Amino acid sequence: MTKNRSKPIVLLATGLLWMSLAQAQESVNSSGSNVTGIGGSVSYSIGQMVYTTDMGSSGSITQGVQHAYEIFTVGLNETVLDISVIIFPNPTVDNLSLQINDYSNEKLLYHLFDMQGRLLKIGQISEQLTQINTATLPTSTYFIHVLNQQNQKVQSFKIIKK
């Protein structure tokens, strides 16, 4: 009795064809992990060697393996004022704009900190739109705290500098 060997060969050929059409991100990294907490989860990799940046007239995009970021307001005990604070663009390159809606000449300050908690810059907020120069800062993550005249936090922001 002879066995029909065409069925396994067809299955093998189909499997190889399917695998050659599958595409996924691939990277050889030195380390990485997934972290989950109360505010969500994040996946990270250390040692990513390949990414590309495309620039256009309306902005830029950086592509790479696991190249996601989150923008959110940080802080727990924030002072309640009847103002709305917005910071943009985030991520930033050269300048950061701090916009205060419903501004009525409150005396406000901003403090810029690095990830180690070192105070890098203090500035007065005297208008509805304040420009913060970030051109001399290295690529990293920073925190900006907006403070009232009693040095109480009004709002805090996590900033990504590219």
Protein backbone atom coordinates (compact mmCIF):
# COMPACT_ATOMS: atom_id res chain seq x y z
CA MET A 1 0.00 0.00 0.00
CA THR A 2 1.47 3.41 -0.98
CA LYS A 3 0.90 6.60 1.02
CA ASN A 4 -0.26 9.81 -0.59
CA ARG A 5 2.57 12.28 0.11
CA SER A 6 1.08 15.20 -1.79
CA LYS A 7 -1.12 16.40 1.09
CA PRO A 8 1.78 17.08 3.55
CA ILE A 9 3.80 18.75 0.78
CA VAL A 10 0.86 21.05 -0.10
CA LEU A 11 0.41 21.93 3.58
CA LEU A 12 4.13 22.66 3.97
CA ALA A 13 4.18 24.84 0.83
CA THR A 14 1.06 26.72 1.98
CA GLY A 15 2.58 27.32 5.42
CA LEU A 16 5.84 28.61 3.96
CA LEU A 17 3.97 30.90 1.57
CA TRP A 18 1.84 32.28 4.40
CA MET A 19 4.92 32.90 6.58
CA SER A 20 6.68 34.76 3.78
CA LEU A 21 3.72 37.14 3.45
CA ALA A 22 3.43 37.88 7.19
CA GLN A 23 5.01 41.16 8.28
CA ALA A 24 5.83 42.37 11.78
CA GLN A 25 8.12 44.78 13.54
CA GLU A 26 11.45 43.27 14.37
CA SER A 27 14.24 44.54 16.54
CA VAL A 28 17.19 43.17 18.48
CA ASN A 29 17.22 45.05 21.78
CA SER A 30 19.37 44.73 24.88
CA SER A 31 16.35 44.78 27.21
CA GLY A 32 12.67 45.67 27.51
CA SER A 33 9.48 44.85 29.32
CA ASN A 34 5.79 45.56 29.80
CA VAL A 35 4.71 47.57 32.85
CA THR A 36 1.13 47.94 34.12
CA GLY A 37 -0.09 50.35 36.77
CA ILE A 38 -3.18 52.26 37.92
CA GLY A 39 -2.94 54.77 35.06
CA GLY A 40 -2.46 52.22 32.24
CA SER A 41 0.30 50.15 30.74
CA VAL A 42 3.42 50.73 28.66
CA SER A 43 5.78 48.55 26.67
CA TYR A 44 9.36 49.67 26.29
CA SER A 45 12.58 48.51 24.71
CA ILE A 46 16.16 49.52 25.42
CA GLY A 47 18.78 49.46 22.71
CA GLN A 48 16.62 50.19 19.66
CA MET A 49 19.08 50.94 16.90
CA VAL A 50 16.84 51.75 13.94
CA TYR A 51 14.30 54.51 13.53
CA THR A 52 13.53 57.03 10.83
CA THR A 53 12.26 60.59 10.95
CA ASP A 54 10.33 62.16 8.09
CA MET A 55 9.98 65.95 8.05
CA GLY A 56 7.35 67.90 6.17
CA SER A 57 6.01 71.44 6.07
CA SER A 58 3.26 70.60 8.58
CA GLY A 59 5.41 68.66 11.07
CA SER A 60 7.45 65.52 11.52
CA ILE A 61 6.91 61.86 12.31
CA THR A 62 9.40 59.44 13.84
CA GLN A 63 8.87 55.77 13.10
CA GLY A 64 10.40 52.84 14.91
CA VAL A 65 9.75 49.74 16.92
CA GLN A 66 7.53 50.45 19.96
CA HIS A 67 7.82 54.20 19.41
CA ALA A 68 4.73 55.27 21.32
CA TYR A 69 4.37 58.03 23.89
CA GLU A 70 1.67 59.24 26.20
CA ILE A 71 0.69 62.81 26.98
CA PHE A 72 -1.05 63.36 30.27
CA THR A 73 -1.24 65.77 33.15
CA VAL A 74 0.57 64.65 36.29
CA GLY A 75 -0.01 65.56 39.92
CA LEU A 76 -2.42 64.75 42.71
CA ASN A 77 -2.78 67.75 45.01
CA GLU A 78 -3.34 70.57 42.58
CA THR A 79 -4.70 73.96 43.53
CA VAL A 80 -8.13 74.72 42.19
CA LEU A 81 -8.23 77.93 40.16
CA ASP A 82 -10.77 78.88 37.56
CA ILE A 83 -8.22 78.78 34.72
CA SER A 84 -7.37 76.28 32.02
CA VAL A 85 -3.68 75.63 31.33
CA ILE A 86 -2.62 74.07 28.01
CA ILE A 87 0.93 73.28 26.92
CA PHE A 88 1.87 72.56 23.31
CA PRO A 89 3.46 71.18 21.12
CA ASN A 90 4.25 68.02 23.02
CA PRO A 91 6.66 66.51 22.04
CA THR A 92 8.59 69.71 21.38
CA VAL A 93 11.85 70.64 19.66
CA ASP A 94 12.73 74.34 20.10
CA ASN A 95 9.86 76.18 21.78
CA LEU A 96 7.04 75.23 24.10
CA SER A 97 3.89 77.34 24.39
CA LEU A 98 2.09 77.62 27.71
CA GLN A 99 -1.42 78.98 27.17
CA ILE A 100 -3.73 80.05 29.98
CA ASN A 101 -7.39 80.49 29.11
CA ASP A 102 -9.46 82.80 31.32
CA TYR A 103 -6.26 84.58 32.39
CA SER A 104 -6.99 87.62 34.54
CA ASN A 105 -3.54 88.83 35.63
CA GLU A 106 -2.94 86.18 38.29
CA LYS A 107 0.70 86.03 39.35
CA LEU A 108 1.85 82.65 38.07
CA LEU A 109 5.26 81.02 37.63
CA TYR A 110 6.50 77.94 35.87
CA HIS A 111 9.27 75.63 37.06
CA LEU A 112 10.98 73.27 34.60
CA PHE A 113 12.47 70.08 36.09
CA ASP A 114 14.47 67.23 34.57
CA MET A 115 13.77 63.54 35.33
CA GLN A 116 16.16 63.63 38.31
CA GLY A 117 14.13 66.46 39.89
CA ARG A 118 16.72 69.18 39.25
CA LEU A 119 15.21 72.64 38.75
CA LEU A 120 16.41 73.85 35.33
CA LYS A 121 14.41 76.98 34.67
CA ILE A 122 12.02 79.37 36.44
CA GLY A 123 9.87 81.80 34.50
CA GLN A 124 7.15 84.36 35.09
CA ILE A 125 3.81 83.87 33.35
CA SER A 126 2.57 87.36 32.60
CA GLU A 127 0.41 86.85 29.52
CA GLN A 128 -2.19 84.47 28.18
CA LEU A 129 0.52 82.84 25.97
CA THR A 130 4.04 82.30 27.31
CA GLN A 131 6.89 80.91 25.17
CA ILE A 132 9.47 78.63 26.81
CA ASN A 133 12.73 78.11 24.89
CA THR A 134 13.71 74.42 24.88
CA ALA A 135 16.31 74.54 22.09
CA THR A 136 19.28 74.19 24.48
CA LEU A 137 17.79 71.25 26.39
CA PRO A 138 18.96 67.73 25.51
CA THR A 139 16.48 65.15 24.24
CA SER A 140 14.70 63.80 27.32
CA THR A 141 11.52 63.94 29.38
CA TYR A 142 10.84 66.96 31.59
CA PHE A 143 8.20 68.20 34.01
CA ILE A 144 6.70 71.69 34.12
CA HIS A 145 4.86 72.86 37.23
CA VAL A 146 2.64 75.94 37.04
CA LEU A 147 2.56 77.65 40.45
CA ASN A 148 0.40 80.42 41.92
CA GLN A 149 1.68 83.34 44.03
CA GLN A 150 1.70 81.16 47.18
CA ASN A 151 3.99 78.64 45.38
CA GLN A 152 1.19 76.06 45.22
CA LYS A 153 0.95 73.85 42.15
CA VAL A 154 -1.86 74.84 39.82
CA GLN A 155 -1.08 72.17 37.24
CA SER A 156 1.81 69.94 36.18
CA PHE A 157 2.79 68.59 32.77
CA LYS A 158 5.09 65.87 31.48
CA ILE A 159 6.99 67.17 28.43
CA ILE A 160 8.94 65.18 25.85
CA LYS A 161 11.85 67.05 24.21
CA LYS A 162 12.98 65.62 20.86
